[in-house]
Amino acid sequence: MSYLKIFVYLFILINLILLLVYIFWRGFYFFRNPPRKIPADNSTIVSPADGKIVYVKEVKKGMCPISIKNHKEIPLTKYTKFNCLENKDYYLVGIYMSVVDVHYNRAPIAGKVKHQDYLPGFNVSMFSTMVNILLNRRPYERMGQYLLQNGRNLLWIEGMDISIGVVQIADIWISKIKSFVEEGKQLNKGEVLGLIRMGSQVDILLPADEVSLNCGVGERVKAGESVLAYKKP
């Protein structure tokens, strides 16, 4: 057998293997939704997403500090577009989901969906954040223009004693974020509320005076299981 034929056969074999790996990843592994151990403690606020925490921002007087070129801080209303924000200070926790993370999102608290709105945008890549994470180069969101431009689904969840916001941000490959909830729906803590295809990001907005943080930049978290914060008594 000639070297050329061997090369051709190897080329075909490698491509078939890669195709099978992709089919398995895209068709089965990517859409996995493993069960989670939801904390029973009512004071816990759990992560809405699987992934790595890329920032924990203190939002004061409606201004959010963010590490993007030419932007030292931006109005929170520009970032989230929430019309129901109260005159409070907040923590903004960003969770980046890589292509190997579970992409089903879960409710951080039990409560009613008070507000939901999808805002289309001109989606750009989150590649810069992925590279920053791989190289452990902080701030991870540096050059992350997607934080201002990309389409996002906004959820405001009103619990018995606290209200929080969830922002699902689409990547360049995503045309639509799939939401499983609607306004007025009552959610249990840890209940699946949506799915974002491919690598993306989910942020959670917490009223600063009402919670004690239990997370930090660089930590890996699981949706519905990892405790991001505790409600203050």
C-alpha atoms as a PDB file:
ATOM      1  CA  MET A   1       0.000   0.000   0.000  1.00  0.00           C
ATOM      2  CA  SER A   2       1.377   3.381  -0.984  1.00  0.00           C
ATOM      3  CA  TYR A   3       2.041   6.142   1.537  1.00  0.00           C
ATOM      4  CA  LEU A   4      -0.546   8.277  -0.246  1.00  0.00           C
ATOM      5  CA  LYS A   5      -3.310   5.708   0.347  1.00  0.00           C
ATOM      6  CA  ILE A   6      -2.278   5.338   3.988  1.00  0.00           C
ATOM      7  CA  PHE A   7      -2.429   9.103   4.386  1.00  0.00           C
ATOM      8  CA  VAL A   8      -5.874   9.267   2.749  1.00  0.00           C
ATOM      9  CA  TYR A   9      -7.244   6.458   4.940  1.00  0.00           C
ATOM     10  CA  LEU A  10      -5.837   8.056   8.081  1.00  0.00           C
ATOM     11  CA  PHE A  11      -7.269  11.420   7.072  1.00  0.00           C
ATOM     12  CA  ILE A  12     -10.726   9.894   6.550  1.00  0.00           C
ATOM     13  CA  LEU A  13     -10.525   7.932   9.818  1.00  0.00           C
ATOM     14  CA  ILE A  14      -9.486  10.969  11.861  1.00  0.00           C
ATOM     15  CA  ASN A  15     -12.291  13.051  10.386  1.00  0.00           C
ATOM     16  CA  LEU A  16     -14.848  10.324  11.081  1.00  0.00           C
ATOM     17  CA  ILE A  17     -13.686  10.135  14.690  1.00  0.00           C
ATOM     18  CA  LEU A  18     -13.890  13.921  15.035  1.00  0.00           C
ATOM     19  CA  LEU A  19     -17.376  13.882  13.511  1.00  0.00           C
ATOM     20  CA  LEU A  20     -18.550  11.201  15.955  1.00  0.00           C
ATOM     21  CA  VAL A  21     -17.063  13.128  18.884  1.00  0.00           C
ATOM     22  CA  TYR A  22     -18.857  16.288  17.733  1.00  0.00           C
ATOM     23  CA  ILE A  23     -22.172  14.444  17.294  1.00  0.00           C
ATOM     24  CA  PHE A  24     -21.876  12.968  20.794  1.00  0.00           C
ATOM     25  CA  TRP A  25     -20.926  16.323  22.320  1.00  0.00           C
ATOM     26  CA  ARG A  26     -23.562  18.386  20.488  1.00  0.00           C
ATOM     27  CA  GLY A  27     -26.351  15.845  20.547  1.00  0.00           C
ATOM     28  CA  PHE A  28     -25.977  14.294  23.985  1.00  0.00           C
ATOM     29  CA  TYR A  29     -23.277  15.699  26.265  1.00  0.00           C
ATOM     30  CA  PHE A  30     -24.086  19.369  25.671  1.00  0.00           C
ATOM     31  CA  PHE A  31     -27.782  18.956  26.511  1.00  0.00           C
ATOM     32  CA  ARG A  32     -27.229  16.963  29.685  1.00  0.00           C
ATOM     33  CA  ASN A  33     -29.164  18.170  32.704  1.00  0.00           C
ATOM     34  CA  PRO A  34     -27.867  16.311  35.764  1.00  0.00           C
ATOM     35  CA  PRO A  35     -29.889  16.374  38.997  1.00  0.00           C
ATOM     36  CA  ARG A  36     -28.707  18.815  41.624  1.00  0.00           C
ATOM     37  CA  LYS A  37     -28.799  18.791  45.423  1.00  0.00           C
ATOM     38  CA  ILE A  38     -30.769  21.963  46.122  1.00  0.00           C
ATOM     39  CA  PRO A  39     -29.907  23.418  49.563  1.00  0.00           C
ATOM     40  CA  ALA A  40     -32.925  23.201  51.850  1.00  0.00           C
ATOM     41  CA  ASP A  41     -31.864  26.242  53.884  1.00  0.00           C
ATOM     42  CA  ASN A  42     -34.230  29.091  52.942  1.00  0.00           C
ATOM     43  CA  SER A  43     -31.498  31.655  53.562  1.00  0.00           C
ATOM     44  CA  THR A  44     -29.379  30.365  50.662  1.00  0.00           C
ATOM     45  CA  ILE A  45     -29.193  31.941  47.208  1.00  0.00           C
ATOM     46  CA  VAL A  46     -27.841  29.431  44.700  1.00  0.00           C
ATOM     47  CA  SER A  47     -25.999  29.885  41.437  1.00  0.00           C
ATOM     48  CA  PRO A  48     -28.172  30.283  38.325  1.00  0.00           C
ATOM     49  CA  ALA A  49     -25.507  28.685  36.101  1.00  0.00           C
ATOM     50  CA  ASP A  50     -22.631  26.247  35.877  1.00  0.00           C
ATOM     51  CA  GLY A  51     -19.270  27.846  35.163  1.00  0.00           C
ATOM     52  CA  LYS A  52     -16.583  30.112  36.509  1.00  0.00           C
ATOM     53  CA  ILE A  53     -17.157  33.381  38.347  1.00  0.00           C
ATOM     54  CA  VAL A  54     -15.462  36.066  36.242  1.00  0.00           C
ATOM     55  CA  TYR A  55     -16.358  39.079  38.371  1.00  0.00           C
ATOM     56  CA  VAL A  56     -18.094  40.232  41.523  1.00  0.00           C
ATOM     57  CA  LYS A  57     -18.943  43.928  41.150  1.00  0.00           C
ATOM     58  CA  GLU A  58     -20.247  46.381  43.706  1.00  0.00           C
ATOM     59  CA  VAL A  59     -22.886  48.569  42.104  1.00  0.00           C
ATOM     60  CA  LYS A  60     -23.243  51.874  43.940  1.00  0.00           C
ATOM     61  CA  LYS A  61     -25.667  54.668  43.099  1.00  0.00           C
ATOM     62  CA  GLY A  62     -26.707  52.831  39.968  1.00  0.00           C
ATOM     63  CA  MET A  63     -23.187  52.735  38.467  1.00  0.00           C
ATOM     64  CA  CYS A  64     -21.477  49.448  37.641  1.00  0.00           C
ATOM     65  CA  PRO A  65     -17.643  49.315  37.415  1.00  0.00           C
ATOM     66  CA  ILE A  66     -16.634  47.206  34.434  1.00  0.00           C
ATOM     67  CA  SER A  67     -13.229  46.526  32.870  1.00  0.00           C
ATOM     68  CA  ILE A  68     -13.845  47.246  29.209  1.00  0.00           C
ATOM     69  CA  LYS A  69     -11.756  49.577  27.093  1.00  0.00           C
ATOM     70  CA  ASN A  70     -12.918  53.201  27.450  1.00  0.00           C
ATOM     71  CA  HIS A  71     -15.448  52.221  30.108  1.00  0.00           C
ATOM     72  CA  LYS A  72     -14.589  52.625  33.772  1.00  0.00           C
ATOM     73  CA  GLU A  73     -18.200  52.329  34.870  1.00  0.00           C
ATOM     74  CA  ILE A  74     -21.598  52.251  33.219  1.00  0.00           C
ATOM     75  CA  PRO A  75     -25.165  52.794  34.445  1.00  0.00           C
ATOM     76  CA  LEU A  76     -26.642  49.539  35.675  1.00  0.00           C
ATOM     77  CA  THR A  77     -29.840  50.270  33.755  1.00  0.00           C
ATOM     78  CA  LYS A  78     -27.820  50.298  30.520  1.00  0.00           C
ATOM     79  CA  TYR A  79     -26.329  46.908  31.324  1.00  0.00           C
ATOM     80  CA  THR A  80     -29.466  45.138  32.556  1.00  0.00           C
ATOM     81  CA  LYS A  81     -32.261  47.322  31.117  1.00  0.00           C
ATOM     82  CA  PHE A  82     -34.331  46.443  34.194  1.00  0.00           C
ATOM     83  CA  ASN A  83     -37.114  48.970  34.755  1.00  0.00           C
ATOM     84  CA  CYS A  84     -37.908  47.595  38.214  1.00  0.00           C
ATOM     85  CA  LEU A  85     -34.597  48.427  39.906  1.00  0.00           C
ATOM     86  CA  GLU A  86     -35.087  49.970  43.293  1.00  0.00           C
ATOM     87  CA  ASN A  87     -32.881  52.695  44.699  1.00  0.00           C
ATOM     88  CA  LYS A  88     -30.417  50.236  46.230  1.00  0.00           C
ATOM     89  CA  ASP A  89     -26.804  49.139  45.966  1.00  0.00           C
ATOM     90  CA  TYR A  90     -26.229  45.741  44.399  1.00  0.00           C
ATOM     91  CA  TYR A  91     -23.689  42.999  43.856  1.00  0.00           C
ATOM     92  CA  LEU A  92     -23.341  41.863  40.250  1.00  0.00           C
ATOM     93  CA  VAL A  93     -21.883  38.352  39.950  1.00  0.00           C
ATOM     94  CA  GLY A  94     -20.895  37.155  36.458  1.00  0.00           C
ATOM     95  CA  ILE A  95     -20.656  33.426  35.644  1.00  0.00           C
ATOM     96  CA  TYR A  96     -19.006  32.381  32.375  1.00  0.00           C
ATOM     97  CA  MET A  97     -20.167  29.069  30.892  1.00  0.00           C
ATOM     98  CA  SER A  98     -17.623  27.292  28.699  1.00  0.00           C
ATOM     99  CA  VAL A  99     -18.660  24.863  25.949  1.00  0.00           C
ATOM    100  CA  VAL A 100     -18.144  21.916  28.330  1.00  0.00           C
ATOM    101  CA  ASP A 101     -20.352  23.285  31.124  1.00  0.00           C
ATOM    102  CA  VAL A 102     -23.999  22.362  31.663  1.00  0.00           C
ATOM    103  CA  HIS A 103     -26.031  25.061  29.912  1.00  0.00           C
ATOM    104  CA  TYR A 104     -29.357  24.700  31.700  1.00  0.00           C
ATOM    105  CA  ASN A 105     -29.963  27.628  34.054  1.00  0.00           C
ATOM    106  CA  ARG A 106     -31.798  27.421  37.378  1.00  0.00           C
ATOM    107  CA  ALA A 107     -33.698  29.749  39.702  1.00  0.00           C
ATOM    108  CA  PRO A 108     -31.455  31.154  42.483  1.00  0.00           C
ATOM    109  CA  ILE A 109     -34.395  31.573  44.882  1.00  0.00           C
ATOM    110  CA  ALA A 110     -38.020  30.556  45.190  1.00  0.00           C
ATOM    111  CA  GLY A 111     -40.307  33.295  43.929  1.00  0.00           C
ATOM    112  CA  LYS A 112     -42.489  34.724  41.196  1.00  0.00           C
ATOM    113  CA  VAL A 113     -41.201  35.894  37.817  1.00  0.00           C
ATOM    114  CA  LYS A 114     -42.147  39.551  38.175  1.00  0.00           C
ATOM    115  CA  HIS A 115     -40.562  40.668  34.923  1.00  0.00           C
ATOM    116  CA  GLN A 116     -39.104  39.031  31.824  1.00  0.00           C
ATOM    117  CA  ASP A 117     -37.834  40.708  28.693  1.00  0.00           C
ATOM    118  CA  TYR A 118     -35.596  39.606  25.830  1.00  0.00           C
ATOM    119  CA  LEU A 119     -33.368  42.324  24.415  1.00  0.00           C
ATOM    120  CA  PRO A 120     -31.851  41.589  21.005  1.00  0.00           C
ATOM    121  CA  GLY A 121     -28.360  42.843  20.300  1.00  0.00           C
ATOM    122  CA  PHE A 122     -25.458  42.686  17.879  1.00  0.00           C
ATOM    123  CA  ASN A 123     -23.783  39.569  19.243  1.00  0.00           C
ATOM    124  CA  VAL A 124     -19.992  39.496  19.375  1.00  0.00           C
ATOM    125  CA  SER A 125     -17.713  36.697  20.552  1.00  0.00           C
ATOM    126  CA  MET A 126     -16.864  35.922  24.186  1.00  0.00           C
ATOM    127  CA  PHE A 127     -13.507  34.550  23.021  1.00  0.00           C
ATOM    128  CA  SER A 128     -11.513  37.193  24.898  1.00  0.00           C
ATOM    129  CA  THR A 129     -13.010  36.151  28.234  1.00  0.00           C
ATOM    130  CA  MET A 130     -12.383  32.479  27.475  1.00  0.00           C
ATOM    131  CA  VAL A 131      -8.708  33.225  26.716  1.00  0.00           C
ATOM    132  CA  ASN A 132      -8.368  35.350  29.856  1.00  0.00           C
ATOM    133  CA  ILE A 133      -9.737  32.450  31.909  1.00  0.00           C
ATOM    134  CA  LEU A 134      -7.398  29.922  30.281  1.00  0.00           C
ATOM    135  CA  LEU A 135      -4.400  32.191  30.921  1.00  0.00           C
ATOM    136  CA  ASN A 136      -5.727  33.228  34.348  1.00  0.00           C
ATOM    137  CA  ARG A 137      -5.415  36.836  33.220  1.00  0.00           C
ATOM    138  CA  ARG A 138      -7.509  39.186  35.324  1.00  0.00           C
ATOM    139  CA  PRO A 139      -9.804  40.975  35.112  1.00  0.00           C
ATOM    140  CA  TYR A 140     -11.373  38.132  33.142  1.00  0.00           C
ATOM    141  CA  GLU A 141     -13.918  40.406  31.448  1.00  0.00           C
ATOM    142  CA  ARG A 142     -11.243  42.710  30.025  1.00  0.00           C
ATOM    143  CA  MET A 143     -12.038  43.541  26.365  1.00  0.00           C
ATOM    144  CA  GLY A 144     -15.396  41.784  26.791  1.00  0.00           C
ATOM    145  CA  GLN A 145     -17.450  44.049  24.573  1.00  0.00           C
ATOM    146  CA  TYR A 146     -20.200  41.426  24.564  1.00  0.00           C
ATOM    147  CA  LEU A 147     -21.238  42.651  28.011  1.00  0.00           C
ATOM    148  CA  LEU A 148     -22.629  45.801  26.420  1.00  0.00           C
ATOM    149  CA  GLN A 149     -23.645  44.596  22.954  1.00  0.00           C
ATOM    150  CA  ASN A 150     -24.998  41.056  23.022  1.00  0.00           C
ATOM    151  CA  GLY A 151     -28.621  40.003  23.247  1.00  0.00           C
ATOM    152  CA  ARG A 152     -29.850  39.029  26.696  1.00  0.00           C
ATOM    153  CA  ASN A 153     -32.833  37.662  28.532  1.00  0.00           C
ATOM    154  CA  LEU A 154     -33.749  39.573  31.692  1.00  0.00           C
ATOM    155  CA  LEU A 155     -35.547  37.934  34.605  1.00  0.00           C
ATOM    156  CA  TRP A 156     -36.607  39.667  37.802  1.00  0.00           C
ATOM    157  CA  ILE A 157     -37.614  37.168  40.493  1.00  0.00           C
ATOM    158  CA  GLU A 158     -39.595  38.384  43.488  1.00  0.00           C
ATOM    159  CA  GLY A 159     -39.264  36.142  46.542  1.00  0.00           C
ATOM    160  CA  MET A 160     -40.985  36.313  49.914  1.00  0.00           C
ATOM    161  CA  ASP A 161     -38.252  38.434  51.485  1.00  0.00           C
ATOM    162  CA  ILE A 162     -35.877  39.365  48.649  1.00  0.00           C
ATOM    163  CA  SER A 163     -35.945  40.188  44.927  1.00  0.00           C
ATOM    164  CA  ILE A 164     -33.092  39.438  42.526  1.00  0.00           C
ATOM    165  CA  GLY A 165     -32.256  39.768  38.844  1.00  0.00           C
ATOM    166  CA  VAL A 166     -30.891  37.165  36.434  1.00  0.00           C
ATOM    167  CA  VAL A 167     -29.292  38.215  33.132  1.00  0.00           C
ATOM    168  CA  GLN A 168     -28.710  35.500  30.508  1.00  0.00           C
ATOM    169  CA  ILE A 169     -26.234  36.782  27.891  1.00  0.00           C
ATOM    170  CA  ALA A 170     -25.967  35.165  24.450  1.00  0.00           C
ATOM    171  CA  ASP A 171     -22.713  34.375  22.641  1.00  0.00           C
ATOM    172  CA  ILE A 172     -22.038  35.162  18.974  1.00  0.00           C
ATOM    173  CA  TRP A 173     -23.298  31.718  17.873  1.00  0.00           C
ATOM    174  CA  ILE A 174     -26.676  32.093  19.552  1.00  0.00           C
ATOM    175  CA  SER A 175     -29.719  33.586  17.877  1.00  0.00           C
ATOM    176  CA  LYS A 176     -32.104  33.108  20.792  1.00  0.00           C
ATOM    177  CA  ILE A 177     -32.000  32.208  24.473  1.00  0.00           C
ATOM    178  CA  LYS A 178     -34.597  29.569  25.325  1.00  0.00           C
ATOM    179  CA  SER A 179     -36.692  30.511  28.345  1.00  0.00           C
ATOM    180  CA  PHE A 180     -38.930  27.975  30.075  1.00  0.00           C
ATOM    181  CA  VAL A 181     -40.762  30.547  32.196  1.00  0.00           C
ATOM    182  CA  GLU A 182     -43.134  33.458  31.743  1.00  0.00           C
ATOM    183  CA  GLU A 183     -44.160  36.446  33.811  1.00  0.00           C
ATOM    184  CA  GLY A 184     -46.258  35.423  36.784  1.00  0.00           C
ATOM    185  CA  LYS A 185     -44.832  31.905  37.017  1.00  0.00           C
ATOM    186  CA  GLN A 186     -43.994  30.707  40.522  1.00  0.00           C
ATOM    187  CA  LEU A 187     -40.545  29.107  40.708  1.00  0.00           C
ATOM    188  CA  ASN A 188     -38.988  26.775  43.214  1.00  0.00           C
ATOM    189  CA  LYS A 189     -35.370  27.349  44.169  1.00  0.00           C
ATOM    190  CA  GLY A 190     -33.180  25.378  41.783  1.00  0.00           C
ATOM    191  CA  GLU A 191     -35.938  24.913  39.200  1.00  0.00           C
ATOM    192  CA  VAL A 192     -34.767  24.950  35.571  1.00  0.00           C
ATOM    193  CA  LEU A 193     -35.721  28.279  34.007  1.00  0.00           C
ATOM    194  CA  GLY A 194     -33.909  28.303  30.671  1.00  0.00           C
ATOM    195  CA  LEU A 195     -31.217  27.070  28.314  1.00  0.00           C
ATOM    196  CA  ILE A 196     -28.470  28.934  26.488  1.00  0.00           C
ATOM    197  CA  ARG A 197     -26.823  27.104  23.604  1.00  0.00           C
ATOM    198  CA  MET A 198     -23.006  27.127  23.267  1.00  0.00           C
ATOM    199  CA  GLY A 199     -20.676  29.068  25.580  1.00  0.00           C
ATOM    200  CA  SER A 200     -22.405  32.020  27.224  1.00  0.00           C
ATOM    201  CA  GLN A 201     -22.683  33.976  30.466  1.00  0.00           C
ATOM    202  CA  VAL A 202     -25.243  34.412  33.225  1.00  0.00           C
ATOM    203  CA  ASP A 203     -25.158  37.262  35.745  1.00  0.00           C
ATOM    204  CA  ILE A 204     -27.067  37.565  38.992  1.00  0.00           C
ATOM    205  CA  LEU A 205     -27.986  40.853  40.646  1.00  0.00           C
ATOM    206  CA  LEU A 206     -28.218  40.801  44.453  1.00  0.00           C
ATOM    207  CA  PRO A 207     -29.307  43.650  46.781  1.00  0.00           C
ATOM    208  CA  ALA A 208     -26.113  44.410  48.721  1.00  0.00           C
ATOM    209  CA  ASP A 209     -27.765  45.360  52.020  1.00  0.00           C
ATOM    210  CA  GLU A 210     -29.813  42.165  52.114  1.00  0.00           C
ATOM    211  CA  VAL A 211     -27.193  39.470  51.486  1.00  0.00           C
ATOM    212  CA  SER A 212     -23.834  38.184  52.673  1.00  0.00           C
ATOM    213  CA  LEU A 213     -21.697  37.002  49.759  1.00  0.00           C
ATOM    214  CA  ASN A 214     -20.358  33.459  49.769  1.00  0.00           C
ATOM    215  CA  CYS A 215     -18.433  33.475  46.484  1.00  0.00           C
ATOM    216  CA  GLY A 216     -15.385  34.998  44.832  1.00  0.00           C
ATOM    217  CA  VAL A 217     -13.766  35.567  41.451  1.00  0.00           C
ATOM    218  CA  GLY A 218     -12.198  32.439  39.975  1.00  0.00           C
ATOM    219  CA  GLU A 219     -14.459  29.961  41.768  1.00  0.00           C
ATOM    220  CA  ARG A 220     -16.311  27.258  39.845  1.00  0.00           C
ATOM    221  CA  VAL A 221     -20.010  26.918  40.628  1.00  0.00           C
ATOM    222  CA  LYS A 222     -22.930  24.628  39.811  1.00  0.00           C
ATOM    223  CA  ALA A 223     -26.444  25.801  39.010  1.00  0.00           C
ATOM    224  CA  GLY A 224     -28.968  25.156  41.755  1.00  0.00           C
ATOM    225  CA  GLU A 225     -26.335  23.766  44.107  1.00  0.00           C
ATOM    226  CA  SER A 226     -23.501  26.214  44.818  1.00  0.00           C
ATOM    227  CA  VAL A 227     -24.423  28.878  47.378  1.00  0.00           C
ATOM    228  CA  LEU A 228     -23.493  32.353  46.102  1.00  0.00           C
ATOM    229  CA  ALA A 229     -24.916  34.272  49.048  1.00  0.00           C
ATOM    230  CA  TYR A 230     -26.985  34.087  52.204  1.00  0.00           C
ATOM    231  CA  LYS A 231     -29.952  36.300  52.985  1.00  0.00           C
ATOM    232  CA  LYS A 232     -29.366  38.461  56.009  1.00  0.00           C
ATOM    233  CA  PRO A 233     -31.781  37.889  58.921  1.00  0.00           C
END
